[in-house]
Structure formats: structure tokens, C-alpha cells
């Protein structure tokens, strides 16, 4: 499939996911403990995609969305905009880092059994290609490498519709029992 067709497909898919989340009552916010109690991490992420649970405010702030989850994977999509630029006139590294951290963390989240949580202990980001307002949609694809009782690791890549690499990252997360 060519890059333009992929770009159009990604745009349609993201619009459909956001519409489904909002139609299901989903909005930016924080889930209440009783909403997630007894759910696995994958069930929580699926409920968010279905609009049954709120999605994080950061998605509205930085204009990206979770578009797909599966066991050990999470895909986010965002489109760089002028408001994401730094004073040098390029997309701020924090935009890349946040998009990657979201894909990494949510991929780890999908591996959590009910009652277990995680937090990022280490995040390493490498930006290898500049994005700009003409780049179009980019996807951060996160995949778990290891998920254990005390620690999880994952890797993610930001790619364009032409499969060009824009950035990549790794994370180490601490896993713990939730209160």
C-alpha cells in the first residue's frame, strides 16, 4: 500500500476510534477506582477505546489518541501541529517523548492482571527524523519485551505512513500491587 493510501486509512481509523469513544460517553478525565476494580489492564484499555472509561487529558492537550490495543501492544496516533513547535521552529522533543511514553506505558498496561499497576522508572528516547505540520499522522507503536512480577520493559517506534522512522524509545517500568 502506498504512503498516501496509508495516510488516508490512518486518518479514517483515528477519526472512527475518537468518534466511538465519544459516542460511548468517553471524555477526557480520570477513571474512578470502582470503574477499573477487577479489570485487567487490557480490559481497562479496551473499555477506554469503547468510550466506557475516560481517556487521559494529555490526549487532548497534545492532540493524539489511542487507536489500537492488544496483548502487549498499544498504538497511538498524532499529527504534529504548529502549537507543538519549540522556539527553533521544529516539533518539540516532548511531543515525541509523550507519544512514545504513552505507547510504551499502555503496552505494559495491557499485560497487567487485575490489581497490578506500573509506573515508568526509565524512559530513553531517540529522535531520528524531524516532523512538521506537513508530515501528517504519525503512529507510535509500543510492544512489550518483558512483563514480570516486579518489572516490565517495552520498546516503541514512531513511524509515518511511508514507514519512515521518526523516533524510537525504550522503557523500564516498576510493577506493583495497587491499593
N, C-alpha and C. Protein backbone atom coordinates (compact mmCIF):
# COMPACT_ATOMS: atom_id res chain seq x y z
N UNK A 1 0.86 -1.18 0.00
CA UNK A 1 0.00 0.00 0.00
C UNK A 1 0.90 1.24 0.00
N UNK A 2 0.57 2.23 -0.80
CA UNK A 2 1.40 3.42 -0.87
C UNK A 2 1.15 4.35 0.33
N UNK A 3 2.07 5.28 0.53
CA UNK A 3 2.03 6.16 1.70
C UNK A 3 0.76 7.00 1.75
N UNK A 4 0.31 7.50 0.62
CA UNK A 4 -0.90 8.34 0.62
C UNK A 4 -2.13 7.53 1.01
N UNK A 5 -2.24 6.31 0.53
CA UNK A 5 -3.36 5.45 0.90
C UNK A 5 -3.30 5.10 2.38
N UNK A 6 -2.11 4.83 2.88
CA UNK A 6 -1.95 4.53 4.31
C UNK A 6 -2.31 5.75 5.14
N UNK A 7 -1.88 6.92 4.72
CA UNK A 7 -2.19 8.16 5.42
C UNK A 7 -3.71 8.36 5.52
N UNK A 8 -4.40 8.14 4.41
CA UNK A 8 -5.87 8.28 4.41
C UNK A 8 -6.53 7.24 5.31
N UNK A 9 -6.03 5.99 5.26
CA UNK A 9 -6.58 4.93 6.10
C UNK A 9 -6.35 5.25 7.57
N UNK A 10 -5.14 5.69 7.93
CA UNK A 10 -4.84 6.05 9.33
C UNK A 10 -5.76 7.17 9.81
N UNK A 11 -5.97 8.16 8.96
CA UNK A 11 -6.83 9.28 9.34
C UNK A 11 -8.26 8.79 9.59
N UNK A 12 -8.78 7.96 8.70
CA UNK A 12 -10.13 7.40 8.89
C UNK A 12 -10.21 6.57 10.16
N UNK A 13 -9.21 5.71 10.37
CA UNK A 13 -9.21 4.85 11.56
C UNK A 13 -9.20 5.67 12.85
N UNK A 14 -8.36 6.68 12.91
CA UNK A 14 -8.28 7.52 14.12
C UNK A 14 -9.58 8.27 14.33
N UNK A 15 -10.16 8.82 13.28
CA UNK A 15 -11.44 9.53 13.40
C UNK A 15 -12.52 8.59 13.90
N UNK A 16 -12.54 7.36 13.41
CA UNK A 16 -13.55 6.37 13.83
C UNK A 16 -13.38 6.01 15.31
N UNK A 17 -12.14 5.83 15.75
CA UNK A 17 -11.89 5.49 17.16
C UNK A 17 -12.33 6.64 18.07
N UNK A 18 -11.94 7.85 17.73
CA UNK A 18 -12.32 9.00 18.56
C UNK A 18 -13.84 9.16 18.58
N UNK A 19 -14.49 9.00 17.44
CA UNK A 19 -15.96 9.10 17.39
C UNK A 19 -16.60 8.02 18.25
N UNK A 20 -16.07 6.79 18.20
CA UNK A 20 -16.61 5.68 19.00
C UNK A 20 -16.42 5.96 20.50
N UNK A 21 -15.26 6.48 20.87
CA UNK A 21 -15.01 6.80 22.29
C UNK A 21 -16.00 7.86 22.77
N UNK A 22 -16.19 8.88 21.97
CA UNK A 22 -17.08 9.97 22.39
C UNK A 22 -18.55 9.54 22.37
N UNK A 23 -18.93 8.71 21.40
CA UNK A 23 -20.31 8.21 21.32
C UNK A 23 -20.63 7.33 22.52
N UNK A 24 -19.63 6.63 23.02
CA UNK A 24 -19.82 5.77 24.19
C UNK A 24 -19.81 6.56 25.48
N UNK A 25 -19.70 7.86 25.39
CA UNK A 25 -19.67 8.69 26.59
C UNK A 25 -18.27 9.03 27.04
N UNK A 26 -17.28 8.56 26.30
CA UNK A 26 -15.90 8.81 26.68
C UNK A 26 -15.54 10.28 26.55
N UNK A 27 -14.80 10.75 27.51
CA UNK A 27 -14.31 12.12 27.51
C UNK A 27 -13.01 12.13 28.30
N UNK A 28 -12.28 13.20 28.19
CA UNK A 28 -11.05 13.30 28.98
C UNK A 28 -11.41 13.32 30.46
N UNK A 29 -10.62 12.62 31.24
CA UNK A 29 -10.86 12.59 32.68
C UNK A 29 -10.09 11.46 33.32
N UNK A 30 -10.46 11.15 34.54
CA UNK A 30 -9.83 10.07 35.30
C UNK A 30 -10.89 9.04 35.66
N UNK A 31 -10.56 7.78 35.46
CA UNK A 31 -11.49 6.71 35.84
C UNK A 31 -11.56 6.64 37.37
N UNK A 32 -12.74 6.37 37.87
CA UNK A 32 -12.92 6.18 39.31
C UNK A 32 -12.47 4.77 39.68
N UNK A 33 -11.96 4.56 40.88
CA UNK A 33 -11.48 3.22 41.28
C UNK A 33 -12.50 2.12 41.04
N UNK A 34 -13.76 2.38 41.30
CA UNK A 34 -14.78 1.34 41.11
C UNK A 34 -14.99 0.99 39.63
N UNK A 35 -14.61 1.90 38.73
CA UNK A 35 -14.74 1.62 37.30
C UNK A 35 -13.68 0.64 36.79
N UNK A 36 -12.53 0.60 37.45
CA UNK A 36 -11.44 -0.27 36.99
C UNK A 36 -11.20 -1.47 37.90
N UNK A 37 -11.84 -1.46 39.07
CA UNK A 37 -11.64 -2.56 40.02
C UNK A 37 -12.00 -3.90 39.37
N UNK A 38 -11.09 -4.87 39.50
CA UNK A 38 -11.34 -6.21 38.99
C UNK A 38 -11.05 -6.38 37.51
N UNK A 39 -10.66 -5.30 36.83
CA UNK A 39 -10.36 -5.39 35.39
C UNK A 39 -8.85 -5.56 35.18
N UNK A 40 -8.51 -6.35 34.17
CA UNK A 40 -7.11 -6.44 33.77
C UNK A 40 -6.74 -5.14 33.05
N UNK A 41 -5.44 -4.93 32.87
CA UNK A 41 -5.00 -3.75 32.13
C UNK A 41 -5.55 -3.73 30.71
N UNK A 42 -5.58 -4.88 30.06
CA UNK A 42 -6.12 -4.94 28.70
C UNK A 42 -7.60 -4.59 28.70
N UNK A 43 -8.35 -5.07 29.68
CA UNK A 43 -9.78 -4.74 29.77
C UNK A 43 -9.99 -3.24 30.00
N UNK A 44 -9.13 -2.63 30.79
CA UNK A 44 -9.22 -1.18 31.01
C UNK A 44 -8.98 -0.43 29.71
N UNK A 45 -7.93 -0.82 28.98
CA UNK A 45 -7.62 -0.13 27.72
C UNK A 45 -8.73 -0.33 26.69
N UNK A 46 -9.30 -1.54 26.63
CA UNK A 46 -10.40 -1.80 25.70
C UNK A 46 -11.64 -0.98 26.08
N UNK A 47 -11.90 -0.85 27.38
CA UNK A 47 -13.04 -0.05 27.84
C UNK A 47 -12.83 1.43 27.48
N UNK A 48 -11.59 1.89 27.54
CA UNK A 48 -11.30 3.27 27.15
C UNK A 48 -11.58 3.46 25.66
N UNK A 49 -11.13 2.52 24.84
CA UNK A 49 -11.38 2.61 23.39
C UNK A 49 -12.87 2.55 23.06
N UNK A 50 -13.66 1.86 23.90
CA UNK A 50 -15.10 1.74 23.67
C UNK A 50 -15.86 2.95 24.21
N UNK A 51 -15.16 3.87 24.88
CA UNK A 51 -15.83 5.04 25.44
C UNK A 51 -16.49 4.76 26.77
N UNK A 52 -16.20 3.61 27.38
CA UNK A 52 -16.79 3.26 28.67
C UNK A 52 -16.00 3.86 29.83
N UNK A 53 -14.76 4.23 29.58
CA UNK A 53 -13.90 4.88 30.57
C UNK A 53 -13.32 6.14 29.96
N UNK A 54 -13.04 7.14 30.78
CA UNK A 54 -12.43 8.35 30.23
C UNK A 54 -11.02 8.09 29.73
N UNK A 55 -10.59 8.89 28.76
CA UNK A 55 -9.22 8.83 28.29
C UNK A 55 -8.45 9.98 28.95
N UNK A 56 -7.13 9.91 29.01
CA UNK A 56 -6.34 10.94 29.72
C UNK A 56 -6.41 12.31 29.04
N UNK A 57 -6.39 13.34 29.86
CA UNK A 57 -6.41 14.73 29.37
C UNK A 57 -5.25 15.02 28.41
N UNK A 58 -4.11 14.38 28.62
CA UNK A 58 -2.94 14.65 27.79
C UNK A 58 -3.23 14.39 26.31
N UNK A 59 -4.15 13.49 26.02
CA UNK A 59 -4.51 13.21 24.63
C UNK A 59 -5.11 14.44 23.97
N UNK A 60 -5.93 15.19 24.69
CA UNK A 60 -6.48 16.43 24.15
C UNK A 60 -5.41 17.52 24.08
N UNK A 61 -4.59 17.59 25.12
CA UNK A 61 -3.56 18.63 25.18
C UNK A 61 -2.59 18.53 24.01
N UNK A 62 -2.15 17.31 23.69
CA UNK A 62 -1.15 17.14 22.64
C UNK A 62 -1.71 16.55 21.35
N UNK A 63 -3.04 16.46 21.26
CA UNK A 63 -3.72 16.04 20.03
C UNK A 63 -3.27 14.68 19.51
N UNK A 64 -3.33 13.68 20.38
CA UNK A 64 -3.11 12.33 19.92
C UNK A 64 -4.12 11.41 20.57
N UNK A 65 -4.25 10.21 20.04
CA UNK A 65 -5.26 9.29 20.56
C UNK A 65 -4.75 7.85 20.50
N UNK A 66 -5.20 7.07 21.45
CA UNK A 66 -5.02 5.63 21.41
C UNK A 66 -5.90 5.12 20.27
N UNK A 67 -5.34 4.34 19.36
CA UNK A 67 -6.14 3.84 18.24
C UNK A 67 -6.28 2.33 18.23
N UNK A 68 -5.40 1.63 18.97
CA UNK A 68 -5.48 0.17 18.95
C UNK A 68 -4.72 -0.40 20.14
N UNK A 69 -5.27 -1.47 20.73
CA UNK A 69 -4.56 -2.20 21.79
C UNK A 69 -4.73 -3.70 21.57
N UNK A 70 -3.81 -4.44 22.08
CA UNK A 70 -3.86 -5.89 22.08
C UNK A 70 -2.95 -6.37 23.19
N UNK A 71 -2.88 -7.64 23.43
CA UNK A 71 -1.99 -8.14 24.48
C UNK A 71 -0.54 -7.74 24.21
N UNK A 72 0.01 -6.90 25.07
CA UNK A 72 1.40 -6.47 24.94
C UNK A 72 1.66 -5.42 23.89
N UNK A 73 0.60 -4.81 23.32
CA UNK A 73 0.79 -3.78 22.29
C UNK A 73 -0.18 -2.62 22.50
N UNK A 74 0.25 -1.46 22.08
CA UNK A 74 -0.60 -0.27 22.07
C UNK A 74 -0.12 0.64 20.95
N UNK A 75 -1.07 1.20 20.21
CA UNK A 75 -0.75 2.10 19.11
C UNK A 75 -1.47 3.43 19.34
N UNK A 76 -0.70 4.50 19.30
CA UNK A 76 -1.22 5.86 19.41
C UNK A 76 -0.96 6.57 18.09
N UNK A 77 -1.82 7.54 17.77
CA UNK A 77 -1.63 8.34 16.57
C UNK A 77 -1.77 9.81 16.90
N UNK A 78 -0.89 10.59 16.32
CA UNK A 78 -0.94 12.04 16.48
C UNK A 78 -0.44 12.72 15.22
N UNK A 79 -0.83 13.96 15.05
CA UNK A 79 -0.38 14.75 13.92
C UNK A 79 0.29 16.02 14.44
N UNK A 80 1.57 16.21 14.14
CA UNK A 80 2.26 17.41 14.62
C UNK A 80 1.56 18.68 14.12
N UNK A 81 1.42 19.63 15.02
CA UNK A 81 0.78 20.90 14.70
C UNK A 81 1.70 22.05 15.14
N UNK A 82 1.42 23.22 14.64
CA UNK A 82 2.23 24.39 14.97
C UNK A 82 2.34 24.60 16.47
N UNK A 83 1.27 24.31 17.22
CA UNK A 83 1.32 24.50 18.67
C UNK A 83 2.25 23.51 19.37
N UNK A 84 2.77 22.52 18.63
CA UNK A 84 3.72 21.56 19.19
C UNK A 84 5.17 21.96 18.90
N UNK A 85 5.37 23.09 18.25
CA UNK A 85 6.72 23.54 17.89
C UNK A 85 7.42 24.16 19.08
N UNK A 86 8.75 24.07 19.05
CA UNK A 86 9.58 24.75 20.03
C UNK A 86 10.03 26.09 19.45
N UNK A 87 10.78 26.89 20.19
CA UNK A 87 11.21 28.20 19.67
C UNK A 87 12.11 28.12 18.43
N UNK A 88 12.68 26.94 18.16
CA UNK A 88 13.54 26.80 16.99
C UNK A 88 12.75 26.50 15.71
N UNK A 89 11.43 26.32 15.87
CA UNK A 89 10.58 26.08 14.70
C UNK A 89 10.47 24.62 14.30
N UNK A 90 10.72 23.72 15.25
CA UNK A 90 10.57 22.29 14.99
C UNK A 90 9.66 21.69 16.06
N UNK A 91 9.17 20.49 15.80
CA UNK A 91 8.32 19.82 16.77
C UNK A 91 9.15 19.55 18.03
N UNK A 92 8.61 19.96 19.16
CA UNK A 92 9.29 19.83 20.45
C UNK A 92 9.53 18.37 20.78
N UNK A 93 10.70 18.08 21.31
CA UNK A 93 11.04 16.71 21.69
C UNK A 93 10.08 16.12 22.70
N UNK A 94 9.46 16.97 23.50
CA UNK A 94 8.49 16.49 24.49
C UNK A 94 7.26 15.88 23.83
N UNK A 95 6.91 16.36 22.63
CA UNK A 95 5.76 15.77 21.92
C UNK A 95 6.09 14.33 21.53
N UNK A 96 7.28 14.14 20.94
CA UNK A 96 7.71 12.78 20.60
C UNK A 96 7.75 11.90 21.85
N UNK A 97 8.39 12.42 22.91
CA UNK A 97 8.57 11.64 24.14
C UNK A 97 7.24 11.24 24.76
N UNK A 98 6.28 12.15 24.76
CA UNK A 98 4.98 11.85 25.35
C UNK A 98 4.22 10.84 24.53
N UNK A 99 4.27 10.97 23.21
CA UNK A 99 3.61 9.99 22.33
C UNK A 99 4.23 8.60 22.53
N UNK A 100 5.56 8.54 22.58
CA UNK A 100 6.25 7.27 22.80
C UNK A 100 5.97 6.70 24.19
N UNK A 101 6.04 7.56 25.22
CA UNK A 101 5.79 7.10 26.59
C UNK A 101 4.38 6.55 26.72
N UNK A 102 3.43 7.15 26.03
CA UNK A 102 2.04 6.66 26.07
C UNK A 102 1.95 5.27 25.45
N UNK A 103 2.56 5.08 24.28
CA UNK A 103 2.52 3.77 23.63
C UNK A 103 3.25 2.72 24.48
N UNK A 104 4.38 3.09 25.04
CA UNK A 104 5.14 2.16 25.88
C UNK A 104 4.35 1.77 27.12
N UNK A 105 3.87 2.78 27.84
CA UNK A 105 3.15 2.53 29.09
C UNK A 105 1.87 1.75 28.88
N UNK A 106 1.12 2.10 27.85
CA UNK A 106 -0.14 1.40 27.62
C UNK A 106 0.09 -0.02 27.13
N UNK A 107 1.18 -0.26 26.39
CA UNK A 107 1.53 -1.64 26.02
C UNK A 107 1.79 -2.46 27.28
N UNK A 108 2.55 -1.89 28.22
CA UNK A 108 2.80 -2.55 29.50
C UNK A 108 1.48 -2.74 30.24
N UNK A 109 0.64 -1.72 30.23
CA UNK A 109 -0.64 -1.78 30.95
C UNK A 109 -1.48 -2.98 30.49
N UNK A 110 -1.41 -3.30 29.20
CA UNK A 110 -2.22 -4.41 28.68
C UNK A 110 -1.79 -5.76 29.26
N UNK A 111 -0.62 -5.82 29.86
CA UNK A 111 -0.13 -7.08 30.43
C UNK A 111 -0.41 -7.19 31.93
N UNK A 112 -0.98 -6.16 32.52
CA UNK A 112 -1.20 -6.16 33.97
C UNK A 112 -2.45 -6.97 34.33
N UNK A 113 -2.32 -7.91 35.27
CA UNK A 113 -3.51 -8.59 35.77
C UNK A 113 -4.30 -7.62 36.65
N UNK A 114 -5.53 -7.94 36.94
CA UNK A 114 -6.34 -7.11 37.83
C UNK A 114 -5.59 -6.92 39.15
N UNK A 115 -5.59 -5.68 39.63
CA UNK A 115 -4.96 -5.38 40.91
C UNK A 115 -3.49 -5.03 40.84
N UNK A 116 -2.91 -5.06 39.64
CA UNK A 116 -1.50 -4.71 39.48
C UNK A 116 -1.40 -3.41 38.69
N UNK A 117 -0.42 -2.60 39.03
CA UNK A 117 -0.18 -1.35 38.33
C UNK A 117 1.29 -1.22 37.98
N UNK A 118 1.65 -0.11 37.40
CA UNK A 118 3.04 0.11 36.98
C UNK A 118 3.31 1.60 36.97
N UNK A 119 4.56 1.95 36.94
CA UNK A 119 4.97 3.33 36.74
C UNK A 119 6.28 3.33 35.97
N UNK A 120 6.48 4.34 35.15
CA UNK A 120 7.71 4.44 34.37
C UNK A 120 8.86 4.77 35.31
N UNK A 121 9.91 3.96 35.25
CA UNK A 121 11.13 4.20 36.03
C UNK A 121 12.22 4.80 35.16
N UNK A 122 12.20 4.44 33.87
CA UNK A 122 13.23 4.92 32.95
C UNK A 122 12.62 5.03 31.56
N UNK A 123 12.97 6.11 30.87
CA UNK A 123 12.50 6.33 29.50
C UNK A 123 13.68 6.84 28.69
N UNK A 124 13.99 6.15 27.62
CA UNK A 124 15.06 6.58 26.71
C UNK A 124 14.46 6.85 25.35
N UNK A 125 14.68 8.06 24.82
CA UNK A 125 14.08 8.48 23.55
C UNK A 125 15.18 8.88 22.58
N UNK A 126 15.03 8.44 21.33
CA UNK A 126 15.92 8.83 20.24
C UNK A 126 15.08 9.39 19.11
N UNK A 127 15.28 10.66 18.79
CA UNK A 127 14.57 11.28 17.66
C UNK A 127 15.52 11.22 16.47
N UNK A 128 15.07 10.61 15.38
CA UNK A 128 15.96 10.41 14.24
C UNK A 128 15.53 11.16 12.98
N UNK A 129 14.32 11.74 12.99
CA UNK A 129 13.84 12.48 11.83
C UNK A 129 12.90 13.57 12.32
N UNK A 130 13.04 14.76 11.76
CA UNK A 130 12.17 15.87 12.14
C UNK A 130 10.78 15.70 11.53
N UNK A 131 9.78 16.01 12.33
CA UNK A 131 8.39 16.06 11.85
C UNK A 131 7.97 17.52 11.82
N UNK A 132 6.96 17.82 11.01
CA UNK A 132 6.46 19.19 10.95
C UNK A 132 4.97 19.15 10.63
N UNK A 133 4.38 20.30 10.42
CA UNK A 133 2.93 20.37 10.18
C UNK A 133 2.51 19.72 8.87
N UNK A 134 3.45 19.48 7.96
CA UNK A 134 3.14 18.82 6.69
C UNK A 134 3.33 17.31 6.75
N UNK A 135 3.87 16.82 7.84
CA UNK A 135 4.18 15.39 7.96
C UNK A 135 2.92 14.53 7.90
N UNK A 136 1.84 15.02 8.48
CA UNK A 136 0.62 14.22 8.55
C UNK A 136 0.65 13.31 9.76
N UNK A 137 -0.23 12.33 9.82
CA UNK A 137 -0.33 11.50 11.00
C UNK A 137 0.91 10.63 11.20
N UNK A 138 1.28 10.47 12.45
CA UNK A 138 2.37 9.58 12.85
C UNK A 138 1.82 8.59 13.86
N UNK A 139 2.36 7.39 13.85
CA UNK A 139 1.92 6.38 14.80
C UNK A 139 3.07 5.95 15.69
N UNK A 140 2.78 5.87 16.97
CA UNK A 140 3.71 5.32 17.96
C UNK A 140 3.22 3.91 18.27
N UNK A 141 4.05 2.94 17.96
CA UNK A 141 3.69 1.53 18.11
C UNK A 141 4.53 0.97 19.25
N UNK A 142 3.86 0.64 20.36
CA UNK A 142 4.55 0.13 21.54
C UNK A 142 4.37 -1.37 21.67
N UNK A 143 5.45 -2.06 22.05
CA UNK A 143 5.42 -3.51 22.23
C UNK A 143 6.19 -3.89 23.48
N UNK A 144 5.60 -4.76 24.27
CA UNK A 144 6.25 -5.24 25.49
C UNK A 144 7.36 -6.23 25.12
N UNK A 145 8.48 -6.08 25.78
CA UNK A 145 9.59 -7.02 25.64
C UNK A 145 9.51 -8.05 26.77
N UNK A 146 9.27 -7.56 28.00
CA UNK A 146 9.19 -8.42 29.18
C UNK A 146 8.20 -7.81 30.15
N UNK A 147 7.36 -8.64 30.74
CA UNK A 147 6.45 -8.18 31.79
C UNK A 147 6.46 -9.22 32.90
N UNK A 148 7.06 -8.84 34.01
CA UNK A 148 7.19 -9.75 35.14
C UNK A 148 6.47 -9.24 36.37
N UNK A 149 6.75 -9.88 37.50
CA UNK A 149 6.08 -9.54 38.75
C UNK A 149 6.50 -8.18 39.29
N UNK A 150 7.75 -7.78 39.04
CA UNK A 150 8.26 -6.52 39.59
C UNK A 150 8.71 -5.51 38.54
N UNK A 151 8.92 -5.96 37.32
CA UNK A 151 9.47 -5.08 36.31
C UNK A 151 8.92 -5.45 34.93
N UNK A 152 8.78 -4.43 34.09
CA UNK A 152 8.38 -4.64 32.70
C UNK A 152 9.25 -3.75 31.82
N UNK A 153 9.53 -4.22 30.62
CA UNK A 153 10.26 -3.41 29.65
C UNK A 153 9.49 -3.42 28.34
N UNK A 154 9.65 -2.34 27.58
CA UNK A 154 8.95 -2.23 26.30
C UNK A 154 9.76 -1.34 25.36
N UNK A 155 9.42 -1.45 24.08
CA UNK A 155 10.03 -0.60 23.06
C UNK A 155 8.93 -0.03 22.19
N UNK A 156 9.20 1.13 21.60
CA UNK A 156 8.21 1.76 20.72
C UNK A 156 8.94 2.51 19.60
N UNK A 157 8.21 2.67 18.52
CA UNK A 157 8.72 3.39 17.34
C UNK A 157 7.64 4.35 16.87
N UNK A 158 8.03 5.55 16.48
CA UNK A 158 7.12 6.46 15.79
C UNK A 158 7.45 6.35 14.30
N UNK A 159 6.42 6.00 13.52
CA UNK A 159 6.60 5.86 12.08
C UNK A 159 5.54 6.67 11.34
N UNK A 160 5.88 7.04 10.12
CA UNK A 160 4.94 7.72 9.25
C UNK A 160 4.24 6.72 8.35
N UNK A 161 3.24 7.19 7.59
CA UNK A 161 2.51 6.31 6.68
C UNK A 161 3.41 5.66 5.62
N UNK A 162 4.57 6.27 5.36
CA UNK A 162 5.53 5.73 4.41
C UNK A 162 6.49 4.76 5.09
N UNK A 163 6.24 4.45 6.35
CA UNK A 163 7.03 3.55 7.18
C UNK A 163 8.40 4.13 7.55
N UNK A 164 8.60 5.44 7.34
CA UNK A 164 9.85 6.07 7.77
C UNK A 164 9.84 6.19 9.29
N UNK A 165 10.99 5.96 9.89
CA UNK A 165 11.16 6.06 11.32
C UNK A 165 11.43 7.51 11.72
N UNK A 166 10.68 8.01 12.71
CA UNK A 166 10.87 9.36 13.22
C UNK A 166 11.53 9.36 14.59
N UNK A 167 11.21 8.36 15.41
CA UNK A 167 11.80 8.26 16.74
C UNK A 167 11.59 6.85 17.27
N UNK A 168 12.41 6.49 18.25
CA UNK A 168 12.22 5.20 18.91
C UNK A 168 12.58 5.36 20.38
N UNK A 169 12.06 4.44 21.20
CA UNK A 169 12.26 4.58 22.64
C UNK A 169 12.19 3.22 23.32
N UNK A 170 12.72 3.20 24.53
CA UNK A 170 12.57 2.05 25.40
C UNK A 170 12.17 2.54 26.79
N UNK A 171 11.57 1.64 27.55
CA UNK A 171 11.20 1.99 28.91
C UNK A 171 11.42 0.81 29.83
N UNK A 172 11.65 1.13 31.09
CA UNK A 172 11.62 0.16 32.17
C UNK A 172 10.56 0.65 33.13
N UNK A 173 9.63 -0.22 33.47
CA UNK A 173 8.54 0.14 34.39
C UNK A 173 8.61 -0.73 35.64
N UNK A 174 8.32 -0.11 36.77
CA UNK A 174 8.19 -0.85 38.01
C UNK A 174 6.76 -1.33 38.11
N UNK A 175 6.57 -2.59 38.47
CA UNK A 175 5.24 -3.20 38.60
C UNK A 175 4.98 -3.39 40.08
N UNK A 176 3.72 -3.10 40.49
CA UNK A 176 3.39 -3.16 41.91
C UNK A 176 1.93 -3.53 42.11
N UNK A 177 1.62 -3.90 43.35
CA UNK A 177 0.25 -4.19 43.75
C UNK A 177 -0.47 -2.86 43.96
N UNK A 178 -1.65 -2.70 43.38
CA UNK A 178 -2.41 -1.46 43.58
C UNK A 178 -3.17 -1.50 44.89
N UNK A 179 -3.38 -0.34 45.46
CA UNK A 179 -4.16 -0.25 46.70
C UNK A 179 -5.63 -0.23 46.40
